[in-house]
Amino acid sequence: MKKAEKIQLIALGGVGEVGKNLYIVEIDSDIFIVDAGLKYPENEMLGIDVVIPDITYLLERKDRVRAIFLTNGRLDRIGAIFYILKHINAPVYGTKWTIALTKERMKQYSVTADFREVNMRKPVHFPQVTVSFFRTFSNIPDSMGVCFHTSMGAIVHTGDFKLEQSSIGSHFLDFGKMAEIGNSGVLCLLSDSINAERPGFSGSEALAGEMINDVMYNSPGRVVVSVAETNIYRIQQIFNAAVETGRKIAIIGKSFAKIIELARQLRYLKADDDLFIPVSHLKKLEKQNSVLLCASDSFDPLAEISKMAKGIHKQHHITSDDTVLIAQTPTPGQELIYSKTIDLLFRAGANVVSIDKKAFFSGHGCQEELKLMLHLMKPKYFIPVHGEFKMQIAHAKIAQSIGIREENIFLLDQGDVVEFTPKSAKTVTKVPSGNVLIDGLGVGDVGNIVLRDRRLLSQDGILIVVVTLNKEMKKIVAGPEIISRGFVYVRESESLISKATKMVHDTLSSCMEDVSMDWSTMKQNIRDVLNQFLYEQTKRRPMILPIIMEV
């Protein structure tokens, strides 16, 4: 291993926010990427499908990127990998299930990649660093942490983790490996902060399984279940409970069905074929013998169940003899969606059981679990990541409580660079960072100006002014006609529209007396006159779009 002169850690996403994880470990001239995730848009991002990190910094140094490491298969860890691989040619390392999910997600993009399955017992060697891996437990199988062994000490990224002591799946936190890494000397730890504000431990998956069994046994009618599509352990528990209670399962959603089929093929899910029935056959079964399984994603976690409750779903509606099981925990910021959907379900007459009411089940560790990780790793420096800023601060306080000095803890914003040398560690500069917005097939073609226009349209609507002129005769041939969308209802505002039309007519007549008759000046004059008039009359500022045609 060559001696490193300088190590830099950069977060291009995943700090000050939930999701969009992308971290850079830069060792002299070599760059390594940990995770490439997406997040779903905030309310003001109108029409945006997903948000991914700005990778300008990486694109300018793409020849130096040596590898990409994915800690698990959740979209907040893998959702932007297609974008990176379009521009950067580097091998992608991950566990078996992470790679399988990533390949499945990438089928819609014309991107190829060099995927390499990691072996927990075999490190990967590069000229200046050796990279090893350790198993973690989260609500998605095959989660892992990544450790970069450098001449200055180890750089450790935990990925998502929680402490699970029950027999769920075949993977647990690898305490032995983590203690070994900690004893060998950890320079810096980057650790998940999502539940840093929650005391105690997250609920055991075994307890969640017992609750699912109880619901299946005690429900006299159909059971409708909503579950996170990547929570394979929870899905297995639903399968087990259905078998024990003699119920058949119908799966809603093609992409969800594909993930379940993939998990069964790779033996992450175990279920016989006769457990499942097509959704179209569900009505032929007695209700007490059926389970309707719905997928959830982070963007609209209860979309399918919400449609059923409103009576607008294409195939199924919630009825008074249904039991609806919300078998998932809302991520930060989704609490309002859950509350409104549950209210809709009660209005539809359903018996609603939310698994989160009796215990807090999450794939992310709470305060005592975060302390355990810190104790095992014993880092010299600490960077709380993956969480809103308040969560990062809470995690920093946990680190201080176990003896890590405040000056050795770095609270990062996107783009901040922490530089380590053999003698010091400090925040040195900031690199380009931010959001790349994806709308349909467009990647990055919707910027702040487009979002501003969408916000204006959503607030006060649009007013289109159409007029036809004869430039030679300097006269109005047709119009002006005013079309309103989202501003006022024309039939109830005839006086307002009539006055606005006259003002446009007078403005154009005045403009045509000018020798040049400049189109852009005429349009701007129309905007100025209408803007002032409409604000005085309505206190609204619609977008005004003049269209001038010439004959």
Protein backbone atom coordinates (compact mmCIF):
# COMPACT_ATOMS: atom_id res chain seq x y z
CA MET A 1 0.00 0.00 0.00
CA LYS A 2 1.43 3.36 -1.05
CA LYS A 3 1.59 6.09 1.55
CA ALA A 4 -1.22 8.62 1.08
CA GLU A 5 -0.32 12.31 1.17
CA LYS A 6 -3.90 13.59 1.25
CA ILE A 7 -7.39 12.15 1.67
CA GLN A 8 -10.54 14.10 0.86
CA LEU A 9 -14.15 13.20 1.73
CA ILE A 10 -16.97 14.91 -0.16
CA ALA A 11 -20.75 14.54 0.09
CA LEU A 12 -22.52 15.40 -3.19
CA GLY A 13 -25.84 14.32 -1.63
CA GLY A 14 -27.27 12.69 1.47
CA VAL A 15 -26.47 15.55 3.87
CA GLY A 16 -29.11 18.06 4.88
CA GLU A 17 -31.69 15.76 3.24
CA VAL A 18 -33.10 12.24 3.30
CA GLY A 19 -32.01 10.31 0.22
CA LYS A 20 -29.84 11.16 -2.80
CA ASN A 21 -26.78 9.60 -1.16
CA LEU A 22 -23.49 10.08 -2.99
CA TYR A 23 -20.16 10.23 -1.21
CA ILE A 24 -16.65 10.58 -2.62
CA VAL A 25 -13.50 9.18 -1.06
CA GLU A 26 -10.52 10.77 -2.81
CA ILE A 27 -7.09 9.35 -1.97
CA ASP A 28 -4.45 11.45 -3.72
CA SER A 29 -5.29 10.96 -7.42
CA ASP A 30 -7.75 8.05 -6.98
CA ILE A 31 -11.48 8.66 -6.62
CA PHE A 32 -13.96 6.15 -5.16
CA ILE A 33 -17.73 6.63 -5.08
CA VAL A 34 -19.96 5.26 -2.33
CA ASP A 35 -23.61 5.03 -3.41
CA ALA A 36 -25.45 6.92 -6.14
CA GLY A 37 -29.00 7.48 -4.98
CA LEU A 38 -32.04 9.57 -5.79
CA LYS A 39 -34.65 11.34 -3.74
CA TYR A 40 -38.22 12.20 -4.54
CA PRO A 41 -39.18 15.82 -5.22
CA GLU A 42 -40.29 18.31 -2.61
CA ASN A 43 -43.66 20.00 -2.96
CA GLU A 44 -42.31 23.06 -4.76
CA MET A 45 -40.68 20.91 -7.47
CA LEU A 46 -43.80 20.85 -9.60
CA GLY A 47 -43.95 18.07 -12.19
CA ILE A 48 -40.54 16.65 -11.27
CA ASP A 49 -40.32 12.85 -11.07
CA VAL A 50 -37.07 12.34 -9.17
CA VAL A 51 -33.99 14.28 -8.08
CA ILE A 52 -30.40 13.03 -8.43
CA PRO A 53 -27.07 14.61 -7.40
CA ASP A 54 -25.10 17.05 -9.51
CA ILE A 55 -21.94 15.14 -10.52
CA THR A 56 -20.10 17.98 -12.29
CA TYR A 57 -17.13 17.42 -9.98
CA LEU A 58 -16.91 13.76 -11.01
CA LEU A 59 -17.41 14.44 -14.72
CA GLU A 60 -14.44 16.79 -14.69
CA ARG A 61 -12.32 14.01 -13.14
CA LYS A 62 -13.91 10.91 -14.63
CA ASP A 63 -10.57 9.38 -15.66
CA ARG A 64 -9.61 9.24 -11.98
CA VAL A 65 -12.71 7.31 -10.81
CA ARG A 66 -11.53 3.82 -9.86
CA ALA A 67 -14.72 2.18 -8.53
CA ILE A 68 -18.30 2.64 -7.36
CA PHE A 69 -19.52 0.85 -4.22
CA LEU A 70 -23.24 0.37 -3.49
CA THR A 71 -24.12 -0.33 0.14
CA ASN A 72 -27.65 -1.66 -0.55
CA GLY A 73 -30.35 -1.80 -3.21
CA ARG A 74 -32.71 0.94 -2.01
CA LEU A 75 -33.35 3.70 -4.53
CA ASP A 76 -31.83 6.30 -2.22
CA ARG A 77 -28.58 4.35 -2.70
CA ILE A 78 -28.76 3.14 -6.33
CA GLY A 79 -31.32 5.35 -8.09
CA ALA A 80 -28.80 7.63 -9.85
CA ILE A 81 -26.32 4.95 -10.93
CA PHE A 82 -27.63 4.99 -14.52
CA TYR A 83 -26.74 8.68 -14.81
CA ILE A 84 -23.20 8.17 -13.54
CA LEU A 85 -22.57 5.13 -15.75
CA LYS A 86 -23.66 7.07 -18.84
CA HIS A 87 -20.66 9.31 -18.34
CA ILE A 88 -18.17 7.40 -16.19
CA ASN A 89 -16.70 3.99 -16.94
CA ALA A 90 -15.91 2.34 -13.62
CA PRO A 91 -16.62 -1.08 -12.07
CA VAL A 92 -19.62 -1.26 -9.73
CA TYR A 93 -19.24 -3.34 -6.56
CA GLY A 94 -22.13 -4.61 -4.49
CA THR A 95 -23.69 -7.67 -2.89
CA LYS A 96 -25.70 -10.20 -4.88
CA TRP A 97 -29.14 -8.71 -4.17
CA THR A 98 -27.95 -5.12 -4.60
CA ILE A 99 -26.52 -5.92 -8.03
CA ALA A 100 -29.65 -7.86 -9.04
CA LEU A 101 -31.90 -4.93 -8.07
CA THR A 102 -29.63 -2.41 -9.78
CA LYS A 103 -29.66 -4.41 -13.02
CA GLU A 104 -33.46 -4.64 -12.84
CA ARG A 105 -33.81 -0.88 -12.32
CA MET A 106 -31.39 -0.13 -15.18
CA LYS A 107 -33.28 -2.13 -17.80
CA GLN A 108 -35.20 1.00 -18.82
CA TYR A 109 -31.93 2.81 -19.62
CA SER A 110 -29.52 1.95 -22.42
CA VAL A 111 -26.55 1.64 -20.09
CA THR A 112 -24.11 -1.21 -19.59
CA ALA A 113 -21.87 -1.68 -16.58
CA ASP A 114 -19.13 -3.87 -15.16
CA PHE A 115 -20.87 -5.29 -12.06
CA ARG A 116 -18.73 -7.16 -9.55
CA GLU A 117 -20.19 -9.11 -6.65
CA VAL A 118 -18.25 -8.59 -3.43
CA ASN A 119 -17.08 -11.32 -1.09
CA MET A 120 -17.20 -10.28 2.56
CA ARG A 121 -14.04 -12.28 3.26
CA LYS A 122 -12.04 -10.98 0.28
CA PRO A 123 -10.93 -7.34 0.14
CA VAL A 124 -10.51 -5.54 -3.18
CA HIS A 125 -7.02 -4.15 -3.75
CA PHE A 126 -6.12 -0.88 -5.45
CA PRO A 127 -2.67 0.73 -5.64
CA GLN A 128 -3.23 3.13 -2.73
CA VAL A 129 -6.02 1.48 -0.81
CA THR A 130 -7.50 -1.86 0.11
CA VAL A 131 -11.29 -1.94 0.36
CA SER A 132 -13.01 -4.44 2.63
CA PHE A 133 -16.68 -4.99 3.44
CA PHE A 134 -18.78 -5.96 6.46
CA ARG A 135 -22.39 -7.13 6.64
CA THR A 136 -25.01 -4.90 8.16
CA PHE A 137 -28.70 -5.53 8.81
CA SER A 138 -31.37 -3.23 7.41
CA ASN A 139 -34.88 -3.79 6.05
CA ILE A 140 -33.38 -4.80 2.70
CA PRO A 141 -31.24 -7.94 2.36
CA ASP A 142 -27.53 -7.90 1.63
CA SER A 143 -26.81 -4.48 3.11
CA MET A 144 -23.15 -3.78 3.74
CA GLY A 145 -20.68 -1.24 5.04
CA VAL A 146 -17.53 -0.25 3.17
CA CYS A 147 -14.07 0.25 4.66
CA PHE A 148 -11.17 1.96 2.87
CA HIS A 149 -7.89 0.91 4.48
CA THR A 150 -5.36 3.70 3.92
CA SER A 151 -1.91 4.47 5.28
CA MET A 152 -3.51 7.08 7.60
CA GLY A 153 -6.16 4.72 8.94
CA ALA A 154 -9.51 3.36 7.85
CA ILE A 155 -12.33 5.38 6.26
CA VAL A 156 -15.60 3.59 7.10
CA HIS A 157 -19.05 4.15 5.59
CA THR A 158 -21.76 2.21 7.45
CA GLY A 159 -24.56 2.35 4.87
CA ASP A 160 -27.98 1.68 6.46
CA PHE A 161 -27.94 -0.46 9.60
CA LYS A 162 -29.92 -1.46 12.67
CA LEU A 163 -29.40 -3.96 15.48
CA GLU A 164 -31.51 -7.08 14.88
CA GLN A 165 -30.98 -9.97 17.28
CA SER A 166 -33.86 -12.17 16.13
CA SER A 167 -33.53 -14.85 13.48
CA ILE A 168 -34.62 -12.84 10.43
CA GLY A 169 -33.10 -13.90 7.14
CA SER A 170 -29.52 -15.13 7.33
CA HIS A 171 -27.65 -11.86 7.86
CA PHE A 172 -26.79 -9.94 10.98
CA LEU A 173 -24.54 -7.06 11.90
CA ASP A 174 -21.02 -8.48 11.64
CA PHE A 175 -19.86 -7.40 15.09
CA GLY A 176 -16.61 -9.33 14.84
CA LYS A 177 -15.56 -7.67 11.59
CA MET A 178 -16.59 -4.21 12.81
CA ALA A 179 -14.67 -4.64 16.08
CA GLU A 180 -11.64 -5.80 14.10
CA ILE A 181 -11.81 -2.68 11.91
CA GLY A 182 -12.19 -0.49 15.02
CA ASN A 183 -9.21 -2.09 16.73
CA SER A 184 -7.02 -1.58 13.65
CA GLY A 185 -7.64 2.18 13.78
CA VAL A 186 -10.44 4.17 12.13
CA LEU A 187 -9.47 7.59 10.85
CA CYS A 188 -13.03 8.67 10.00
CA LEU A 189 -16.51 7.16 10.29
CA LEU A 190 -19.44 8.19 8.07
CA SER A 191 -22.63 6.89 9.67
CA ASP A 192 -26.37 6.91 8.91
CA SER A 193 -28.27 9.61 10.87
CA ILE A 194 -31.95 9.18 9.94
CA ASN A 195 -33.10 8.03 13.39
CA ALA A 196 -30.52 9.95 15.44
CA GLU A 197 -33.33 11.86 17.17
CA ARG A 198 -35.10 8.69 18.32
CA PRO A 199 -34.06 7.23 21.69
CA GLY A 200 -33.60 3.52 22.33
CA PHE A 201 -33.66 0.81 19.66
CA SER A 202 -35.73 0.29 16.53
CA GLY A 203 -38.34 -2.46 16.78
CA SER A 204 -37.40 -6.06 16.03
CA GLU A 205 -38.53 -7.54 12.72
CA ALA A 206 -39.67 -10.61 14.67
CA LEU A 207 -42.22 -8.47 16.53
CA ALA A 208 -43.44 -7.10 13.21
CA GLY A 209 -43.95 -10.68 12.02
CA GLU A 210 -46.06 -11.50 15.08
CA MET A 211 -48.27 -8.47 14.44
CA ILE A 212 -48.79 -9.49 10.81
CA ASN A 213 -49.79 -13.00 11.93
CA ASP A 214 -52.30 -11.58 14.42
CA VAL A 215 -53.92 -9.41 11.74
CA MET A 216 -54.25 -12.35 9.33
CA TYR A 217 -55.74 -14.63 12.01
CA ASN A 218 -58.19 -12.09 13.43
CA SER A 219 -59.48 -10.53 10.21
CA PRO A 220 -62.82 -12.01 9.12
CA GLY A 221 -62.59 -10.62 5.58
CA ARG A 222 -60.01 -9.66 2.99
CA VAL A 223 -56.67 -8.29 4.17
CA VAL A 224 -55.17 -5.48 2.09
CA VAL A 225 -51.47 -4.97 2.85
CA SER A 226 -49.18 -2.09 1.88
CA VAL A 227 -45.48 -2.82 2.21
CA ALA A 228 -42.24 -1.20 1.01
CA GLU A 229 -41.29 -2.96 -2.22
CA THR A 230 -37.70 -3.60 -1.12
CA ASN A 231 -38.50 -4.79 2.42
CA ILE A 232 -38.00 -8.44 1.56
CA TYR A 233 -38.05 -9.60 5.19
CA ARG A 234 -41.46 -8.03 5.77
CA ILE A 235 -42.78 -9.49 2.50
CA GLN A 236 -41.59 -12.95 3.59
CA GLN A 237 -43.46 -12.51 6.87
CA ILE A 238 -46.63 -11.68 4.92
CA PHE A 239 -46.14 -14.82 2.81
CA ASN A 240 -45.66 -16.94 5.94
CA ALA A 241 -48.76 -15.51 7.64
CA ALA A 242 -50.85 -16.10 4.50
CA VAL A 243 -49.76 -19.75 4.36
CA GLU A 244 -50.56 -20.29 8.05
CA THR A 245 -54.03 -18.76 7.70
CA GLY A 246 -54.88 -20.46 4.41
CA ARG A 247 -55.02 -17.28 2.35
CA LYS A 248 -54.00 -16.68 -1.26
CA ILE A 249 -52.04 -13.59 -2.31
CA ALA A 250 -52.69 -11.31 -5.28
CA ILE A 251 -49.96 -8.81 -6.09
CA ILE A 252 -50.82 -5.36 -7.46
CA GLY A 253 -48.24 -3.65 -9.67
CA LYS A 254 -46.10 -5.07 -12.48
CA SER A 255 -42.80 -3.68 -11.19
CA PHE A 256 -43.56 -4.99 -7.69
CA ALA A 257 -44.38 -8.42 -9.12
CA LYS A 258 -41.05 -8.40 -10.99
CA ILE A 259 -39.11 -7.62 -7.80
CA ILE A 260 -40.90 -10.43 -5.95
CA GLU A 261 -40.23 -12.86 -8.79
CA LEU A 262 -36.56 -11.85 -8.87
CA ALA A 263 -36.27 -12.34 -5.10
CA ARG A 264 -37.85 -15.79 -5.39
CA GLN A 265 -35.50 -16.78 -8.20
CA LEU A 266 -32.48 -15.77 -6.11
CA ARG A 267 -33.94 -17.44 -2.99
CA TYR A 268 -34.30 -14.25 -0.98
CA LEU A 269 -38.03 -15.01 -0.83
CA LYS A 270 -39.44 -18.48 -0.32
CA ALA A 271 -42.98 -19.29 -1.41
CA ASP A 272 -44.72 -21.97 -3.48
CA ASP A 273 -46.36 -21.00 -6.75
CA ASP A 274 -49.80 -21.99 -5.52
CA LEU A 275 -49.69 -19.26 -2.88
CA PHE A 276 -50.29 -16.65 -5.59
CA ILE A 277 -53.29 -15.94 -7.75
CA PRO A 278 -53.82 -13.35 -10.52
CA VAL A 279 -55.50 -10.15 -9.40
CA SER A 280 -58.37 -10.88 -11.82
CA HIS A 281 -59.16 -14.13 -9.93
CA LEU A 282 -59.36 -12.45 -6.52
CA LYS A 283 -63.12 -11.85 -6.71
CA LYS A 284 -63.72 -15.58 -7.19
CA LEU A 285 -62.25 -16.31 -3.73
CA GLU A 286 -64.05 -16.01 -0.44
CA LYS A 287 -62.81 -12.76 1.11
CA GLN A 288 -61.56 -14.47 4.25
CA ASN A 289 -59.17 -16.47 2.08
CA SER A 290 -57.49 -13.57 0.29
CA VAL A 291 -54.68 -11.07 0.69
CA LEU A 292 -54.20 -8.12 -1.63
CA LEU A 293 -50.53 -7.07 -1.55
CA CYS A 294 -49.66 -3.54 -2.67
CA ALA A 295 -46.22 -2.07 -3.24
CA SER A 296 -45.09 1.18 -1.75
CA ASP A 297 -42.41 3.52 -2.96
CA SER A 298 -40.95 6.59 -1.28
CA PHE A 299 -42.59 9.07 -3.66
CA ASP A 300 -46.20 8.16 -2.95
CA PRO A 301 -46.02 5.43 -0.32
CA LEU A 302 -49.74 4.62 -0.10
CA ALA A 303 -50.83 5.44 -3.66
CA GLU A 304 -52.60 2.16 -4.46
CA ILE A 305 -54.47 1.98 -1.16
CA SER A 306 -55.43 5.65 -1.44
CA LYS A 307 -57.01 5.01 -4.87
CA MET A 308 -58.94 2.03 -3.46
CA ALA A 309 -60.20 4.12 -0.56
CA LYS A 310 -61.39 6.86 -2.94
CA GLY A 311 -63.10 4.29 -5.19
CA ILE A 312 -61.03 5.23 -8.26
CA HIS A 313 -58.82 2.14 -8.50
CA LYS A 314 -59.23 0.22 -11.78
CA GLN A 315 -59.70 -3.17 -10.13
CA HIS A 316 -60.46 -2.96 -6.40
CA HIS A 317 -62.22 -0.76 -3.86
CA ILE A 318 -61.98 -0.75 -0.08
CA THR A 319 -65.16 -2.04 1.57
CA SER A 320 -66.40 -2.11 5.16
CA ASP A 321 -65.39 -5.74 5.72
CA ASP A 322 -61.76 -5.18 4.64
CA THR A 323 -58.83 -5.00 7.01
CA VAL A 324 -56.05 -2.72 5.78
CA LEU A 325 -52.59 -3.39 7.18
CA ILE A 326 -50.03 -0.60 6.77
CA ALA A 327 -46.94 -2.80 7.13
CA GLN A 328 -44.36 -0.03 6.83
CA THR A 329 -43.01 2.99 8.66
CA PRO A 330 -43.21 6.50 7.18
CA THR A 331 -39.88 8.07 6.39
CA PRO A 332 -39.33 11.65 7.59
CA GLY A 333 -41.63 14.05 5.75
CA GLN A 334 -44.25 11.43 4.84
CA GLU A 335 -46.27 11.55 8.04
CA LEU A 336 -48.97 13.81 6.54
CA ILE A 337 -49.47 11.45 3.56
CA TYR A 338 -49.97 8.53 5.96
CA SER A 339 -52.39 10.47 8.16
CA LYS A 340 -54.57 11.58 5.22
CA THR A 341 -54.64 8.11 3.64
CA ILE A 342 -55.57 6.42 6.92
CA ASP A 343 -58.40 8.95 7.31
CA LEU A 344 -59.64 8.02 3.82
CA LEU A 345 -59.56 4.33 4.74
CA PHE A 346 -61.67 4.93 7.84
CA ARG A 347 -64.14 6.92 5.73
CA ALA A 348 -64.41 3.89 3.44
CA GLY A 349 -65.35 1.80 6.50
CA ALA A 350 -62.19 -0.34 6.67
CA ASN A 351 -60.56 -1.68 9.81
CA VAL A 352 -57.11 -0.05 9.66
CA VAL A 353 -54.08 -1.52 11.43
CA SER A 354 -50.83 0.44 11.26
CA ILE A 355 -47.80 -1.57 12.26
CA ASP A 356 -46.08 1.62 13.38
CA LYS A 357 -48.62 2.32 16.14
CA LYS A 358 -47.30 -0.36 18.49
CA ALA A 359 -43.58 -0.11 17.83
CA PHE A 360 -41.14 1.84 15.69
CA PHE A 361 -39.94 -0.42 12.88
CA SER A 362 -37.26 1.00 10.66
CA GLY A 363 -34.26 -0.06 8.63
CA HIS A 364 -32.20 2.64 10.33
CA GLY A 365 -30.76 2.42 13.82
CA CYS A 366 -31.94 4.61 16.70
CA GLN A 367 -29.73 6.31 19.29
CA GLU A 368 -28.53 3.22 21.17
CA GLU A 369 -27.69 1.45 17.91
CA LEU A 370 -25.77 4.48 16.67
CA LYS A 371 -23.83 4.52 19.94
CA LEU A 372 -22.98 0.85 19.47
CA MET A 373 -21.55 1.55 16.02
CA LEU A 374 -19.47 4.42 17.37
CA HIS A 375 -18.17 2.26 20.23
CA LEU A 376 -17.21 -0.55 17.85
CA MET A 377 -15.45 1.70 15.34
CA LYS A 378 -13.79 4.12 17.80
CA PRO A 379 -13.15 6.73 15.07
CA LYS A 380 -10.75 9.64 15.49
CA TYR A 381 -12.98 11.81 13.28
CA PHE A 382 -16.71 11.51 12.67
CA ILE A 383 -19.05 12.70 9.89
CA PRO A 384 -22.81 12.12 10.40
CA VAL A 385 -24.43 11.57 6.99
CA HIS A 386 -27.77 10.55 5.41
CA GLY A 387 -30.23 12.77 7.18
CA GLU A 388 -31.61 16.26 7.52
CA PHE A 389 -29.35 18.74 9.26
CA LYS A 390 -31.21 18.39 12.58
CA MET A 391 -30.56 14.63 12.41
CA GLN A 392 -26.86 15.22 11.70
CA ILE A 393 -26.68 17.51 14.75
CA ALA A 394 -28.43 14.90 16.93
CA HIS A 395 -25.93 12.27 15.71
CA ALA A 396 -23.03 14.64 16.44
CA LYS A 397 -24.29 15.03 20.03
CA ILE A 398 -24.43 11.23 20.39
CA ALA A 399 -20.80 11.06 19.24
CA GLN A 400 -19.80 13.71 21.77
CA SER A 401 -21.60 11.79 24.52
CA ILE A 402 -19.31 8.80 24.01
CA GLY A 403 -16.14 10.89 24.03
CA ILE A 404 -15.47 12.10 20.48
CA ARG A 405 -14.25 15.69 20.65
CA GLU A 406 -16.44 18.37 19.08
CA GLU A 407 -13.59 19.67 16.89
CA ASN A 408 -13.25 16.15 15.41
CA ILE A 409 -16.86 16.08 14.20
CA PHE A 410 -17.72 17.57 10.81
CA LEU A 411 -21.27 18.64 9.94
CA LEU A 412 -21.26 18.83 6.17
CA ASP A 413 -23.38 20.61 3.59
CA GLN A 414 -23.51 19.35 0.01
CA GLY A 415 -20.20 19.96 -1.74
CA ASP A 416 -18.12 20.51 1.42
CA VAL A 417 -14.64 18.95 1.25
CA VAL A 418 -13.00 17.53 4.39
CA GLU A 419 -9.28 17.07 3.88
CA PHE A 420 -7.10 14.74 5.95
CA THR A 421 -3.33 14.91 6.07
CA PRO A 422 -1.01 12.96 8.41
CA LYS A 423 -1.12 15.94 10.80
CA SER A 424 -4.59 17.49 10.51
CA ALA A 425 -8.21 17.34 9.32
CA LYS A 426 -10.26 20.34 8.25
CA THR A 427 -12.95 21.58 5.87
CA VAL A 428 -10.99 23.20 3.05
CA THR A 429 -13.26 24.19 0.18
CA LYS A 430 -16.53 23.53 -1.62
CA VAL A 431 -17.09 21.78 -4.96
CA PRO A 432 -20.07 22.14 -7.37
CA SER A 433 -23.11 20.34 -5.97
CA GLY A 434 -26.89 20.50 -5.99
CA ASN A 435 -29.83 18.86 -7.71
CA VAL A 436 -30.31 17.45 -11.19
CA LEU A 437 -34.05 17.25 -11.87
CA ILE A 438 -35.57 14.44 -13.90
CA ASP A 439 -38.91 15.05 -15.59
CA GLY A 440 -40.03 12.19 -17.85
CA LEU A 441 -37.14 11.36 -20.17
CA GLY A 442 -35.44 14.70 -19.61
CA VAL A 443 -32.44 14.65 -17.29
CA GLY A 444 -31.34 18.08 -16.09
CA ASP A 445 -33.32 20.01 -18.73
CA VAL A 446 -35.65 21.42 -16.09
CA GLY A 447 -33.86 24.15 -14.16
CA ASN A 448 -34.76 26.93 -11.75
CA ILE A 449 -36.31 29.10 -14.48
CA VAL A 450 -38.67 26.33 -15.61
CA LEU A 451 -39.61 25.58 -11.98
CA ARG A 452 -40.24 29.29 -11.41
CA ASP A 453 -42.61 29.36 -14.39
CA ARG A 454 -44.41 26.28 -13.11
CA ARG A 455 -44.81 27.87 -9.69
CA LEU A 456 -46.22 31.05 -11.27
CA LEU A 457 -48.67 29.00 -13.33
CA SER A 458 -49.74 27.05 -10.24
CA GLN A 459 -50.28 30.21 -8.20
CA ASP A 460 -52.04 32.70 -10.50
CA GLY A 461 -52.53 30.90 -13.82
CA ILE A 462 -51.90 32.20 -17.33
CA LEU A 463 -53.45 34.80 -19.61
CA ILE A 464 -52.86 34.37 -23.36
CA VAL A 465 -53.42 37.36 -25.65
CA VAL A 466 -53.83 36.49 -29.36
CA VAL A 467 -53.90 39.20 -32.01
CA THR A 468 -53.38 39.35 -35.80
CA LEU A 469 -51.86 42.48 -37.36
CA ASN A 470 -51.39 43.81 -40.88
CA LYS A 471 -47.98 45.41 -40.62
CA GLU A 472 -48.15 47.28 -43.92
CA MET A 473 -51.55 48.82 -43.25
CA LYS A 474 -50.76 49.22 -39.55
CA LYS A 475 -54.11 47.87 -38.43
CA ILE A 476 -55.50 45.06 -36.26
CA VAL A 477 -57.02 42.40 -38.50
CA ALA A 478 -58.31 40.01 -35.81
CA GLY A 479 -58.53 40.13 -32.03
CA PRO A 480 -57.26 40.82 -29.57
CA GLU A 481 -58.65 37.66 -27.98
CA ILE A 482 -57.83 36.86 -24.35
CA ILE A 483 -57.74 33.24 -23.17
CA SER A 484 -57.57 32.57 -19.42
CA ARG A 485 -56.42 29.33 -17.75
CA GLY A 486 -56.19 29.10 -13.97
CA PHE A 487 -56.65 32.87 -13.53
CA VAL A 488 -60.36 33.69 -13.66
CA TYR A 489 -63.42 31.94 -15.00
CA VAL A 490 -64.12 33.96 -18.16
CA ARG A 491 -67.93 33.67 -18.09
CA GLU A 492 -68.06 35.17 -14.60
CA SER A 493 -65.46 37.86 -15.36
CA GLU A 494 -66.70 39.26 -18.67
CA SER A 495 -66.30 42.86 -17.53
CA LEU A 496 -62.69 42.33 -16.46
CA ILE A 497 -61.78 40.55 -19.71
CA SER A 498 -63.60 43.19 -21.79
CA LYS A 499 -61.64 46.02 -20.14
CA ALA A 500 -58.38 44.10 -20.54
CA THR A 501 -59.14 43.50 -24.23
CA LYS A 502 -59.77 47.23 -24.80
CA MET A 503 -56.49 48.10 -23.05
CA VAL A 504 -54.59 45.69 -25.31
CA HIS A 505 -56.31 47.18 -28.38
CA ASP A 506 -55.38 50.73 -27.30
CA THR A 507 -51.79 49.70 -26.52
CA LEU A 508 -51.34 48.07 -29.94
CA SER A 509 -52.87 51.04 -31.73
CA SER A 510 -50.43 53.32 -29.96
CA CYS A 511 -47.50 51.05 -30.80
CA MET A 512 -48.44 50.93 -34.50
CA GLU A 513 -48.03 54.68 -34.74
CA ASP A 514 -44.33 54.09 -34.16
CA VAL A 515 -42.32 53.77 -37.38
CA SER A 516 -40.39 50.65 -36.36
CA MET A 517 -43.33 48.59 -34.98
CA ASP A 518 -40.92 46.33 -33.05
CA TRP A 519 -42.62 43.04 -32.12
CA SER A 520 -40.76 42.54 -28.82
CA THR A 521 -41.57 46.08 -27.68
CA MET A 522 -45.25 45.56 -28.48
CA LYS A 523 -45.34 42.32 -26.47
CA GLN A 524 -43.59 43.93 -23.50
CA ASN A 525 -46.01 46.87 -23.56
CA ILE A 526 -48.96 44.46 -23.51
CA ARG A 527 -47.43 42.63 -20.51
CA ASP A 528 -46.77 45.87 -18.61
CA VAL A 529 -50.26 47.31 -19.16
CA LEU A 530 -52.10 44.09 -18.30
CA ASN A 531 -49.87 43.28 -15.36
CA GLN A 532 -50.63 46.58 -13.64
CA PHE A 533 -54.35 46.53 -14.50
CA LEU A 534 -54.95 42.91 -13.42
CA TYR A 535 -53.05 43.34 -10.16
CA GLU A 536 -55.09 46.44 -9.30
CA GLN A 537 -58.34 44.56 -10.03
CA THR A 538 -57.55 41.12 -8.58
CA LYS A 539 -54.29 41.32 -6.55
CA ARG A 540 -53.01 38.45 -8.71
CA ARG A 541 -50.13 38.29 -11.15
CA PRO A 542 -50.88 35.70 -13.84
CA MET A 543 -48.28 34.80 -16.44
CA ILE A 544 -49.10 36.93 -19.51
CA LEU A 545 -48.25 35.44 -22.88
CA PRO A 546 -48.85 37.72 -25.91
CA ILE A 547 -49.01 35.99 -29.31
CA ILE A 548 -48.82 38.36 -32.29
CA MET A 549 -49.40 37.02 -35.81
CA GLU A 550 -48.90 38.89 -39.06
CA VAL A 551 -50.80 38.77 -42.35
